[in-house]
PDB file of N, CA and C in Angstrom:
ATOM      1  N   MET A   1       0.843  -1.189   0.000  1.00  0.00           N
ATOM      2  CA  MET A   1       0.000   0.000   0.000  1.00  0.00           C
ATOM      3  C   MET A   1       0.887   1.251   0.000  1.00  0.00           C
ATOM      4  N   PRO A   2       0.433   2.289  -0.694  1.00  0.00           N
ATOM      5  CA  PRO A   2       1.214   3.522  -0.720  1.00  0.00           C
ATOM      6  C   PRO A   2       1.247   4.208   0.651  1.00  0.00           C
ATOM      7  N   VAL A   3       2.329   4.924   0.879  1.00  0.00           N
ATOM      8  CA  VAL A   3       2.516   5.692   2.107  1.00  0.00           C
ATOM      9  C   VAL A   3       2.278   7.160   1.792  1.00  0.00           C
ATOM     10  N   ILE A   4       1.546   7.826   2.676  1.00  0.00           N
ATOM     11  CA  ILE A   4       1.387   9.272   2.600  1.00  0.00           C
ATOM     12  C   ILE A   4       2.204   9.852   3.749  1.00  0.00           C
ATOM     13  N   LYS A   5       3.201  10.639   3.395  1.00  0.00           N
ATOM     14  CA  LYS A   5       3.988  11.341   4.410  1.00  0.00           C
ATOM     15  C   LYS A   5       3.398  12.730   4.541  1.00  0.00           C
ATOM     16  N   ILE A   6       3.005  13.093   5.751  1.00  0.00           N
ATOM     17  CA  ILE A   6       2.423  14.408   6.008  1.00  0.00           C
ATOM     18  C   ILE A   6       3.480  15.248   6.718  1.00  0.00           C
ATOM     19  N   LEU A   7       3.826  16.370   6.129  1.00  0.00           N
ATOM     20  CA  LEU A   7       4.794  17.265   6.743  1.00  0.00           C
ATOM     21  C   LEU A   7       4.160  17.929   7.964  1.00  0.00           C
ATOM     22  N   PRO A   8       4.977  18.313   8.950  1.00  0.00           N
ATOM     23  CA  PRO A   8       4.414  18.914  10.167  1.00  0.00           C
ATOM     24  C   PRO A   8       3.548  20.139   9.874  1.00  0.00           C
ATOM     25  N   HIS A   9       2.441  20.226  10.606  1.00  0.00           N
ATOM     26  CA  HIS A   9       1.517  21.364  10.560  1.00  0.00           C
ATOM     27  C   HIS A   9       1.133  21.658  12.009  1.00  0.00           C
ATOM     28  N   ALA A  10       1.269  22.890  12.447  1.00  0.00           N
ATOM     29  CA  ALA A  10       1.079  23.248  13.857  1.00  0.00           C
ATOM     30  C   ALA A  10      -0.247  22.776  14.435  1.00  0.00           C
ATOM     31  N   GLU A  11      -1.316  22.843  13.663  1.00  0.00           N
ATOM     32  CA  GLU A  11      -2.643  22.506  14.191  1.00  0.00           C
ATOM     33  C   GLU A  11      -3.047  21.053  13.942  1.00  0.00           C
ATOM     34  N   TYR A  12      -2.842  20.555  12.749  1.00  0.00           N
ATOM     35  CA  TYR A  12      -3.396  19.252  12.372  1.00  0.00           C
ATOM     36  C   TYR A  12      -2.468  18.062  12.576  1.00  0.00           C
ATOM     37  N   CYS A  13      -1.162  18.312  12.535  1.00  0.00           N
ATOM     38  CA  CYS A  13      -0.209  17.204  12.599  1.00  0.00           C
ATOM     39  C   CYS A  13       1.148  17.751  13.042  1.00  0.00           C
ATOM     40  N   PRO A  14       1.257  18.188  14.301  1.00  0.00           N
ATOM     41  CA  PRO A  14       2.450  18.911  14.752  1.00  0.00           C
ATOM     42  C   PRO A  14       3.778  18.179  14.531  1.00  0.00           C
ATOM     43  N   ASP A  15       3.779  16.881  14.629  1.00  0.00           N
ATOM     44  CA  ASP A  15       5.023  16.128  14.480  1.00  0.00           C
ATOM     45  C   ASP A  15       5.188  15.516  13.096  1.00  0.00           C
ATOM     46  N   GLY A  16       4.250  15.790  12.201  1.00  0.00           N
ATOM     47  CA  GLY A  16       4.259  15.107  10.917  1.00  0.00           C
ATOM     48  C   GLY A  16       3.812  13.665  11.126  1.00  0.00           C
ATOM     49  N   ALA A  17       3.637  12.929  10.048  1.00  0.00           N
ATOM     50  CA  ALA A  17       3.186  11.538  10.172  1.00  0.00           C
ATOM     51  C   ALA A  17       3.417  10.814   8.860  1.00  0.00           C
ATOM     52  N   SER A  18       3.418   9.500   8.950  1.00  0.00           N
ATOM     53  CA  SER A  18       3.410   8.637   7.774  1.00  0.00           C
ATOM     54  C   SER A  18       2.293   7.637   7.961  1.00  0.00           C
ATOM     55  N   ILE A  19       1.414   7.563   6.980  1.00  0.00           N
ATOM     56  CA  ILE A  19       0.272   6.654   7.059  1.00  0.00           C
ATOM     57  C   ILE A  19       0.187   5.856   5.763  1.00  0.00           C
ATOM     58  N   THR A  20      -0.501   4.753   5.799  1.00  0.00           N
ATOM     59  CA  THR A  20      -0.723   3.962   4.591  1.00  0.00           C
ATOM     60  C   THR A  20      -2.204   3.963   4.262  1.00  0.00           C
ATOM     61  N   ALA A  21      -2.492   3.800   2.988  1.00  0.00           N
ATOM     62  CA  ALA A  21      -3.885   3.733   2.528  1.00  0.00           C
ATOM     63  C   ALA A  21      -3.920   2.926   1.239  1.00  0.00           C
ATOM     64  N   ALA A  22      -5.039   2.327   0.993  1.00  0.00           N
ATOM     65  CA  ALA A  22      -5.204   1.509  -0.208  1.00  0.00           C
ATOM     66  C   ALA A  22      -5.262   2.380  -1.458  1.00  0.00           C
ATOM     67  N   PRO A  23      -4.740   1.885  -2.568  1.00  0.00           N
ATOM     68  CA  PRO A  23      -4.910   2.602  -3.832  1.00  0.00           C
ATOM     69  C   PRO A  23      -6.397   2.871  -4.087  1.00  0.00           C
ATOM     70  N   GLY A  24      -6.691   4.051  -4.636  1.00  0.00           N
ATOM     71  CA  GLY A  24      -8.075   4.439  -4.877  1.00  0.00           C
ATOM     72  C   GLY A  24      -8.672   5.271  -3.748  1.00  0.00           C
ATOM     73  N   THR A  25      -7.965   5.361  -2.633  1.00  0.00           N
ATOM     74  CA  THR A  25      -8.403   6.173  -1.498  1.00  0.00           C
ATOM     75  C   THR A  25      -7.974   7.614  -1.737  1.00  0.00           C
ATOM     76  N   SER A  26      -8.834   8.564  -1.383  1.00  0.00           N
ATOM     77  CA  SER A  26      -8.435   9.967  -1.505  1.00  0.00           C
ATOM     78  C   SER A  26      -7.491  10.319  -0.360  1.00  0.00           C
ATOM     79  N   ILE A  27      -6.655  11.309  -0.599  1.00  0.00           N
ATOM     80  CA  ILE A  27      -5.758  11.770   0.463  1.00  0.00           C
ATOM     81  C   ILE A  27      -6.575  12.229   1.663  1.00  0.00           C
ATOM     82  N   CYS A  28      -7.652  12.957   1.439  1.00  0.00           N
ATOM     83  CA  CYS A  28      -8.500  13.449   2.529  1.00  0.00           C
ATOM     84  C   CYS A  28      -9.052  12.291   3.357  1.00  0.00           C
ATOM     85  N   GLU A  29      -9.596  11.292   2.695  1.00  0.00           N
ATOM     86  CA  GLU A  29     -10.155  10.135   3.385  1.00  0.00           C
ATOM     87  C   GLU A  29      -9.081   9.434   4.220  1.00  0.00           C
ATOM     88  N   ALA A  30      -7.895   9.283   3.655  1.00  0.00           N
ATOM     89  CA  ALA A  30      -6.803   8.616   4.374  1.00  0.00           C
ATOM     90  C   ALA A  30      -6.402   9.414   5.616  1.00  0.00           C
ATOM     91  N   LEU A  31      -6.312  10.735   5.482  1.00  0.00           N
ATOM     92  CA  LEU A  31      -5.964  11.560   6.632  1.00  0.00           C
ATOM     93  C   LEU A  31      -7.016  11.437   7.725  1.00  0.00           C
ATOM     94  N   LEU A  32      -8.267  11.580   7.358  1.00  0.00           N
ATOM     95  CA  LEU A  32      -9.347  11.497   8.343  1.00  0.00           C
ATOM     96  C   LEU A  32      -9.390  10.129   9.015  1.00  0.00           C
ATOM     97  N   ASP A  33      -9.190   9.071   8.243  1.00  0.00           N
ATOM     98  CA  ASP A  33      -9.196   7.711   8.795  1.00  0.00           C
ATOM     99  C   ASP A  33      -8.064   7.486   9.795  1.00  0.00           C
ATOM    100  N   ASN A  34      -7.046   8.334   9.730  1.00  0.00           N
ATOM    101  CA  ASN A  34      -5.890   8.206  10.618  1.00  0.00           C
ATOM    102  C   ASN A  34      -5.822   9.341  11.637  1.00  0.00           C
ATOM    103  N   ASP A  35      -6.976   9.908  11.953  1.00  0.00           N
ATOM    104  CA  ASP A  35      -7.110  10.936  12.993  1.00  0.00           C
ATOM    105  C   ASP A  35      -6.316  12.212  12.722  1.00  0.00           C
ATOM    106  N   ILE A  36      -6.117  12.514  11.451  1.00  0.00           N
ATOM    107  CA  ILE A  36      -5.562  13.808  11.063  1.00  0.00           C
ATOM    108  C   ILE A  36      -6.749  14.578  10.496  1.00  0.00           C
ATOM    109  N   HIS A  37      -7.315  15.441  11.312  1.00  0.00           N
ATOM    110  CA  HIS A  37      -8.616  16.049  11.036  1.00  0.00           C
ATOM    111  C   HIS A  37      -8.498  17.298  10.166  1.00  0.00           C
ATOM    112  N   ILE A  38      -8.099  17.065   8.921  1.00  0.00           N
ATOM    113  CA  ILE A  38      -8.003  18.141   7.948  1.00  0.00           C
ATOM    114  C   ILE A  38      -9.396  18.723   7.692  1.00  0.00           C
ATOM    115  N   GLU A  39      -9.448  20.014   7.398  1.00  0.00           N
ATOM    116  CA  GLU A  39     -10.739  20.634   7.102  1.00  0.00           C
ATOM    117  C   GLU A  39     -11.303  20.072   5.806  1.00  0.00           C
ATOM    118  N   HIS A  40     -12.633  19.948   5.778  1.00  0.00           N
ATOM    119  CA  HIS A  40     -13.317  19.461   4.577  1.00  0.00           C
ATOM    120  C   HIS A  40     -14.783  19.905   4.656  1.00  0.00           C
ATOM    121  N   ALA A  41     -15.002  21.178   4.404  1.00  0.00           N
ATOM    122  CA  ALA A  41     -16.298  21.803   4.635  1.00  0.00           C
ATOM    123  C   ALA A  41     -17.421  21.304   3.731  1.00  0.00           C
ATOM    124  N   CYS A  42     -17.109  20.731   2.582  1.00  0.00           N
ATOM    125  CA  CYS A  42     -18.160  20.325   1.640  1.00  0.00           C
ATOM    126  C   CYS A  42     -18.421  18.817   1.655  1.00  0.00           C
ATOM    127  N   ASP A  43     -17.928  18.128   2.665  1.00  0.00           N
ATOM    128  CA  ASP A  43     -18.093  16.672   2.760  1.00  0.00           C
ATOM    129  C   ASP A  43     -17.477  15.940   1.579  1.00  0.00           C
ATOM    130  N   GLN A  44     -16.368  16.465   1.073  1.00  0.00           N
ATOM    131  CA  GLN A  44     -15.547  15.810   0.063  1.00  0.00           C
ATOM    132  C   GLN A  44     -16.220  15.650  -1.301  1.00  0.00           C
ATOM    133  N   VAL A  45     -16.956  16.683  -1.722  1.00  0.00           N
ATOM    134  CA  VAL A  45     -17.626  16.612  -3.025  1.00  0.00           C
ATOM    135  C   VAL A  45     -17.100  17.658  -4.017  1.00  0.00           C
ATOM    136  N   CYS A  46     -15.922  18.211  -3.761  1.00  0.00           N
ATOM    137  CA  CYS A  46     -15.277  19.172  -4.661  1.00  0.00           C
ATOM    138  C   CYS A  46     -16.090  20.455  -4.815  1.00  0.00           C
ATOM    139  N   ALA A  47     -16.670  20.922  -3.705  1.00  0.00           N
ATOM    140  CA  ALA A  47     -17.453  22.148  -3.744  1.00  0.00           C
ATOM    141  C   ALA A  47     -16.827  23.269  -2.911  1.00  0.00           C
ATOM    142  N   CYS A  48     -15.609  23.052  -2.403  1.00  0.00           N
ATOM    143  CA  CYS A  48     -14.908  24.081  -1.646  1.00  0.00           C
ATOM    144  C   CYS A  48     -13.407  23.829  -1.785  1.00  0.00           C
ATOM    145  N   THR A  49     -12.602  24.612  -1.076  1.00  0.00           N
ATOM    146  CA  THR A  49     -11.149  24.426  -1.149  1.00  0.00           C
ATOM    147  C   THR A  49     -10.527  24.176   0.216  1.00  0.00           C
ATOM    148  N   THR A  50     -11.318  23.887   1.224  1.00  0.00           N
ATOM    149  CA  THR A  50     -10.775  23.759   2.576  1.00  0.00           C
ATOM    150  C   THR A  50      -9.847  22.565   2.745  1.00  0.00           C
ATOM    151  N   CYS A  51      -9.938  21.565   1.895  1.00  0.00           N
ATOM    152  CA  CYS A  51      -9.060  20.386   2.012  1.00  0.00           C
ATOM    153  C   CYS A  51      -7.839  20.493   1.106  1.00  0.00           C
ATOM    154  N   HIS A  52      -7.535  21.696   0.648  1.00  0.00           N
ATOM    155  CA  HIS A  52      -6.381  21.958  -0.215  1.00  0.00           C
ATOM    156  C   HIS A  52      -5.090  21.477   0.453  1.00  0.00           C
ATOM    157  N   VAL A  53      -4.286  20.732  -0.284  1.00  0.00           N
ATOM    158  CA  VAL A  53      -2.946  20.332   0.150  1.00  0.00           C
ATOM    159  C   VAL A  53      -1.959  20.621  -0.973  1.00  0.00           C
ATOM    160  N   ILE A  54      -0.701  20.657  -0.607  1.00  0.00           N
ATOM    161  CA  ILE A  54       0.365  20.816  -1.596  1.00  0.00           C
ATOM    162  C   ILE A  54       1.121  19.490  -1.648  1.00  0.00           C
ATOM    163  N   VAL A  55       1.177  18.900  -2.810  1.00  0.00           N
ATOM    164  CA  VAL A  55       1.837  17.605  -2.969  1.00  0.00           C
ATOM    165  C   VAL A  55       3.309  17.884  -3.265  1.00  0.00           C
ATOM    166  N   ARG A  56       4.147  17.651  -2.280  1.00  0.00           N
ATOM    167  CA  ARG A  56       5.575  17.959  -2.389  1.00  0.00           C
ATOM    168  C   ARG A  56       6.346  16.878  -3.146  1.00  0.00           C
ATOM    169  N   GLU A  57       5.903  15.631  -3.056  1.00  0.00           N
ATOM    170  CA  GLU A  57       6.553  14.530  -3.778  1.00  0.00           C
ATOM    171  C   GLU A  57       5.496  13.524  -4.193  1.00  0.00           C
ATOM    172  N   GLY A  58       5.668  12.949  -5.368  1.00  0.00           N
ATOM    173  CA  GLY A  58       4.788  11.875  -5.822  1.00  0.00           C
ATOM    174  C   GLY A  58       3.508  12.319  -6.495  1.00  0.00           C
ATOM    175  N   GLY A  59       3.398  13.582  -6.825  1.00  0.00           N
ATOM    176  CA  GLY A  59       2.158  14.102  -7.410  1.00  0.00           C
ATOM    177  C   GLY A  59       1.748  13.443  -8.709  1.00  0.00           C
ATOM    178  N   ARG A  60       2.717  13.044  -9.493  1.00  0.00           N
ATOM    179  CA  ARG A  60       2.386  12.407 -10.778  1.00  0.00           C
ATOM    180  C   ARG A  60       1.781  11.028 -10.603  1.00  0.00           C
ATOM    181  N   SER A  61       1.926  10.464  -9.412  1.00  0.00           N
ATOM    182  CA  SER A  61       1.371   9.132  -9.171  1.00  0.00           C
ATOM    183  C   SER A  61      -0.103   9.194  -8.755  1.00  0.00           C
ATOM    184  N   LEU A  62      -0.621  10.393  -8.515  1.00  0.00           N
ATOM    185  CA  LEU A  62      -2.032  10.534  -8.118  1.00  0.00           C
ATOM    186  C   LEU A  62      -2.941  10.511  -9.340  1.00  0.00           C
ATOM    187  N   SER A  63      -4.233  10.375  -9.084  1.00  0.00           N
ATOM    188  CA  SER A  63      -5.212  10.442 -10.164  1.00  0.00           C
ATOM    189  C   SER A  63      -5.093  11.775 -10.888  1.00  0.00           C
ATOM    190  N   GLU A  64      -5.516  11.795 -12.141  1.00  0.00           N
ATOM    191  CA  GLU A  64      -5.483  13.023 -12.932  1.00  0.00           C
ATOM    192  C   GLU A  64      -6.447  14.054 -12.350  1.00  0.00           C
ATOM    193  N   MET A  65      -6.064  15.320 -12.444  1.00  0.00           N
ATOM    194  CA  MET A  65      -6.937  16.393 -11.988  1.00  0.00           C
ATOM    195  C   MET A  65      -8.016  16.639 -13.035  1.00  0.00           C
ATOM    196  N   GLU A  66      -9.259  16.714 -12.590  1.00  0.00           N
ATOM    197  CA  GLU A  66     -10.367  16.988 -13.500  1.00  0.00           C
ATOM    198  C   GLU A  66     -10.685  18.478 -13.486  1.00  0.00           C
ATOM    199  N   GLU A  67     -11.461  18.913 -14.458  1.00  0.00           N
ATOM    200  CA  GLU A  67     -11.730  20.336 -14.649  1.00  0.00           C
ATOM    201  C   GLU A  67     -12.398  20.989 -13.438  1.00  0.00           C
ATOM    202  N   ASP A  68     -13.323  20.288 -12.785  1.00  0.00           N
ATOM    203  CA  ASP A  68     -13.996  20.897 -11.631  1.00  0.00           C
ATOM    204  C   ASP A  68     -13.018  21.144 -10.484  1.00  0.00           C
ATOM    205  N   GLU A  69     -12.031  20.249 -10.315  1.00  0.00           N
ATOM    206  CA  GLU A  69     -11.011  20.474  -9.290  1.00  0.00           C
ATOM    207  C   GLU A  69     -10.137  21.667  -9.666  1.00  0.00           C
ATOM    208  N   GLU A  70      -9.740  21.759 -10.918  1.00  0.00           N
ATOM    209  CA  GLU A  70      -8.939  22.901 -11.380  1.00  0.00           C
ATOM    210  C   GLU A  70      -9.675  24.214 -11.124  1.00  0.00           C
ATOM    211  N   ASP A  71     -10.967  24.246 -11.460  1.00  0.00           N
ATOM    212  CA  ASP A  71     -11.770  25.456 -11.260  1.00  0.00           C
ATOM    213  C   ASP A  71     -11.853  25.825  -9.780  1.00  0.00           C
ATOM    214  N   MET A  72     -12.042  24.833  -8.928  1.00  0.00           N
ATOM    215  CA  MET A  72     -12.161  25.080  -7.495  1.00  0.00           C
ATOM    216  C   MET A  72     -10.824  25.546  -6.919  1.00  0.00           C
ATOM    217  N   LEU A  73      -9.726  24.970  -7.375  1.00  0.00           N
ATOM    218  CA  LEU A  73      -8.408  25.347  -6.852  1.00  0.00           C
ATOM    219  C   LEU A  73      -8.071  26.808  -7.127  1.00  0.00           C
ATOM    220  N   ASP A  74      -8.646  27.371  -8.169  1.00  0.00           N
ATOM    221  CA  ASP A  74      -8.412  28.791  -8.456  1.00  0.00           C
ATOM    222  C   ASP A  74      -8.831  29.674  -7.285  1.00  0.00           C
ATOM    223  N   ARG A  75      -9.664  29.164  -6.405  1.00  0.00           N
ATOM    224  CA  ARG A  75     -10.172  29.933  -5.265  1.00  0.00           C
ATOM    225  C   ARG A  75      -9.367  29.696  -3.987  1.00  0.00           C
ATOM    226  N   ALA A  76      -8.454  28.742  -4.001  1.00  0.00           N
ATOM    227  CA  ALA A  76      -7.708  28.378  -2.787  1.00  0.00           C
ATOM    228  C   ALA A  76      -6.689  29.445  -2.411  1.00  0.00           C
ATOM    229  N   TRP A  77      -6.475  29.602  -1.116  1.00  0.00           N
ATOM    230  CA  TRP A  77      -5.431  30.482  -0.616  1.00  0.00           C
ATOM    231  C   TRP A  77      -4.114  29.722  -0.655  1.00  0.00           C
ATOM    232  N   GLY A  78      -3.046  30.394  -1.038  1.00  0.00           N
ATOM    233  CA  GLY A  78      -1.727  29.774  -1.042  1.00  0.00           C
ATOM    234  C   GLY A  78      -1.532  28.755  -2.146  1.00  0.00           C
ATOM    235  N   LEU A  79      -2.232  28.944  -3.249  1.00  0.00           N
ATOM    236  CA  LEU A  79      -2.165  28.009  -4.371  1.00  0.00           C
ATOM    237  C   LEU A  79      -0.743  27.913  -4.911  1.00  0.00           C
ATOM    238  N   GLU A  80      -0.301  26.696  -5.170  1.00  0.00           N
ATOM    239  CA  GLU A  80       1.012  26.439  -5.762  1.00  0.00           C
ATOM    240  C   GLU A  80       0.821  25.499  -6.948  1.00  0.00           C
ATOM    241  N   PRO A  81       1.826  25.385  -7.820  1.00  0.00           N
ATOM    242  CA  PRO A  81       1.683  24.501  -8.988  1.00  0.00           C
ATOM    243  C   PRO A  81       1.348  23.045  -8.625  1.00  0.00           C
ATOM    244  N   ASP A  82       1.749  22.607  -7.427  1.00  0.00           N
ATOM    245  CA  ASP A  82       1.500  21.225  -7.020  1.00  0.00           C
ATOM    246  C   ASP A  82       0.326  21.093  -6.056  1.00  0.00           C
ATOM    247  N   SER A  83      -0.542  22.091  -6.015  1.00  0.00           N
ATOM    248  CA  SER A  83      -1.721  22.038  -5.151  1.00  0.00           C
ATOM    249  C   SER A  83      -2.756  21.060  -5.689  1.00  0.00           C
ATOM    250  N   ARG A  84      -3.436  20.410  -4.762  1.00  0.00           N
ATOM    251  CA  ARG A  84      -4.560  19.516  -5.094  1.00  0.00           C
ATOM    252  C   ARG A  84      -5.617  19.656  -4.015  1.00  0.00           C
ATOM    253  N   LEU A  85      -6.852  19.341  -4.362  1.00  0.00           N
ATOM    254  CA  LEU A  85      -7.886  19.160  -3.353  1.00  0.00           C
ATOM    255  C   LEU A  85      -7.727  17.725  -2.859  1.00  0.00           C
ATOM    256  N   SER A  86      -7.492  17.567  -1.576  1.00  0.00           N
ATOM    257  CA  SER A  86      -7.197  16.223  -1.074  1.00  0.00           C
ATOM    258  C   SER A  86      -8.379  15.274  -1.226  1.00  0.00           C
ATOM    259  N   CYS A  87      -9.588  15.810  -1.338  1.00  0.00           N
ATOM    260  CA  CYS A  87     -10.761  14.941  -1.524  1.00  0.00           C
ATOM    261  C   CYS A  87     -10.855  14.393  -2.942  1.00  0.00           C
ATOM    262  N   GLN A  88     -10.105  14.982  -3.867  1.00  0.00           N
ATOM    263  CA  GLN A  88     -10.163  14.552  -5.264  1.00  0.00           C
ATOM    264  C   GLN A  88      -8.901  13.819  -5.712  1.00  0.00           C
ATOM    265  N   ALA A  89      -7.829  13.930  -4.948  1.00  0.00           N
ATOM    266  CA  ALA A  89      -6.551  13.309  -5.298  1.00  0.00           C
ATOM    267  C   ALA A  89      -6.543  11.870  -4.791  1.00  0.00           C
ATOM    268  N   LEU A  90      -6.693  10.931  -5.718  1.00  0.00           N
ATOM    269  CA  LEU A  90      -6.751   9.513  -5.352  1.00  0.00           C
ATOM    270  C   LEU A  90      -5.374   8.873  -5.476  1.00  0.00           C
ATOM    271  N   LEU A  91      -5.050   8.072  -4.478  1.00  0.00           N
ATOM    272  CA  LEU A  91      -3.773   7.372  -4.474  1.00  0.00           C
ATOM    273  C   LEU A  91      -3.747   6.293  -5.534  1.00  0.00           C
ATOM    274  N   ARG A  92      -2.570   6.081  -6.052  1.00  0.00           N
ATOM    275  CA  ARG A  92      -2.315   4.925  -6.920  1.00  0.00           C
ATOM    276  C   ARG A  92      -1.357   4.027  -6.155  1.00  0.00           C
ATOM    277  N   GLN A  93      -0.274   3.601  -6.761  1.00  0.00           N
ATOM    278  CA  GLN A  93       0.638   2.662  -6.101  1.00  0.00           C
ATOM    279  C   GLN A  93       1.843   3.327  -5.420  1.00  0.00           C
ATOM    280  N   GLN A  94       2.182   4.568  -5.802  1.00  0.00           N
ATOM    281  CA  GLN A  94       3.384   5.208  -5.294  1.00  0.00           C
ATOM    282  C   GLN A  94       3.112   6.028  -4.035  1.00  0.00           C
ATOM    283  N   ASP A  95       4.185   6.250  -3.277  1.00  0.00           N
ATOM    284  CA  ASP A  95       4.123   7.071  -2.075  1.00  0.00           C
ATOM    285  C   ASP A  95       4.033   8.548  -2.452  1.00  0.00           C
ATOM    286  N   VAL A  96       3.453   9.342  -1.553  1.00  0.00           N
ATOM    287  CA  VAL A  96       3.358  10.786  -1.752  1.00  0.00           C
ATOM    288  C   VAL A  96       3.726  11.508  -0.462  1.00  0.00           C
ATOM    289  N   THR A  97       4.179  12.742  -0.609  1.00  0.00           N
ATOM    290  CA  THR A  97       4.446  13.627   0.525  1.00  0.00           C
ATOM    291  C   THR A  97       3.571  14.846   0.350  1.00  0.00           C
ATOM    292  N   VAL A  98       2.813  15.201   1.398  1.00  0.00           N
ATOM    293  CA  VAL A  98       1.913  16.349   1.308  1.00  0.00           C
ATOM    294  C   VAL A  98       2.164  17.333   2.442  1.00  0.00           C
ATOM    295  N   GLU A  99       1.855  18.575   2.132  1.00  0.00           N
ATOM    296  CA  GLU A  99       1.905  19.654   3.109  1.00  0.00           C
ATOM    297  C   GLU A  99       0.510  20.246   3.218  1.00  0.00           C
ATOM    298  N   ILE A 100       0.038  20.413   4.431  1.00  0.00           N
ATOM    299  CA  ILE A 100      -1.243  21.079   4.658  1.00  0.00           C
ATOM    300  C   ILE A 100      -0.930  22.564   4.805  1.00  0.00           C
ATOM    301  N   PRO A 101      -1.513  23.416   3.962  1.00  0.00           N
ATOM    302  CA  PRO A 101      -1.196  24.850   4.040  1.00  0.00           C
ATOM    303  C   PRO A 101      -1.552  25.443   5.403  1.00  0.00           C
ATOM    304  N   LYS A 102      -0.846  26.483   5.766  1.00  0.00           N
ATOM    305  CA  LYS A 102      -1.074  27.143   7.052  1.00  0.00           C
ATOM    306  C   LYS A 102      -2.448  27.811   7.110  1.00  0.00           C
ATOM    307  N   TYR A 103      -2.882  28.379   5.986  1.00  0.00           N
ATOM    308  CA  TYR A 103      -4.148  29.121   5.967  1.00  0.00           C
ATOM    309  C   TYR A 103      -5.176  28.430   5.090  1.00  0.00           C
ATOM    310  N   SER A 104      -6.432  28.615   5.457  1.00  0.00           N
ATOM    311  CA  SER A 104      -7.556  28.021   4.738  1.00  0.00           C
ATOM    312  C   SER A 104      -8.600  29.097   4.477  1.00  0.00           C
ATOM    313  N   ILE A 105      -9.480  28.804   3.561  1.00  0.00           N
ATOM    314  CA  ILE A 105     -10.560  29.731   3.241  1.00  0.00           C
ATOM    315  C   ILE A 105     -11.872  29.314   3.925  1.00  0.00           C
ATOM    316  N   ASN A 106     -11.766  28.553   5.010  1.00  0.00           N
ATOM    317  CA  ASN A 106     -12.941  28.056   5.718  1.00  0.00           C
ATOM    318  C   ASN A 106     -13.531  29.162   6.598  1.00  0.00           C
ATOM    319  N   HIS A 107     -14.543  29.843   6.086  1.00  0.00           N
ATOM    320  CA  HIS A 107     -15.165  30.948   6.820  1.00  0.00           C
ATOM    321  C   HIS A 107     -15.881  30.489   8.081  1.00  0.00           C
ATOM    322  N   ALA A 108     -16.370  29.279   8.120  1.00  0.00           N
ATOM    323  CA  ALA A 108     -17.062  28.765   9.301  1.00  0.00           C
ATOM    324  C   ALA A 108     -16.112  28.659  10.489  1.00  0.00           C
ATOM    325  N   LYS A 109     -14.841  28.523  10.241  1.00  0.00           N
ATOM    326  CA  LYS A 109     -13.848  28.360  11.310  1.00  0.00           C
ATOM    327  C   LYS A 109     -13.370  29.696  11.874  1.00  0.00           C
ATOM    328  N   GLU A 110     -13.592  30.793  11.178  1.00  0.00           N
ATOM    329  CA  GLU A 110     -13.017  32.071  11.558  1.00  0.00           C
ATOM    330  C   GLU A 110     -13.415  32.535  12.948  1.00  0.00           C
ATOM    331  N   GLY A 111     -14.586  32.215  13.413  1.00  0.00           N
ATOM    332  CA  GLY A 111     -15.037  32.671  14.720  1.00  0.00           C
ATOM    333  C   GLY A 111     -14.491  31.867  15.874  1.00  0.00           C
ATOM    334  N   LYS A 112     -13.777  30.792  15.596  1.00  0.00           N
ATOM    335  CA  LYS A 112     -13.295  29.903  16.669  1.00  0.00           C
ATOM    336  C   LYS A 112     -11.938  30.329  17.170  1.00  0.00           C
TER     337      LYS A 112
END
């Protein structure tokens, strides 16, 4: 099974982590299944950008980006060439390294 290496993030994964998930699993689903509670305001249906991650290594091994994901990513804060919506990026056979951005566009969280 592929390994997802998560780089340290102060709120969601302070020490970083390495987890495994079956091919065909989304990065978001794998993180949530392993108690890394990444934001996902739209219930993983590609209707927001709160689950935005930056794929630092292994991005070419993920599923192809579809047009709706590309359109949604245009709205993400901190967009980089290797950005993906973690709910849409499906694992294949290779390992990946991801970074959870420091800032999100989740307006529901702003009051907390």
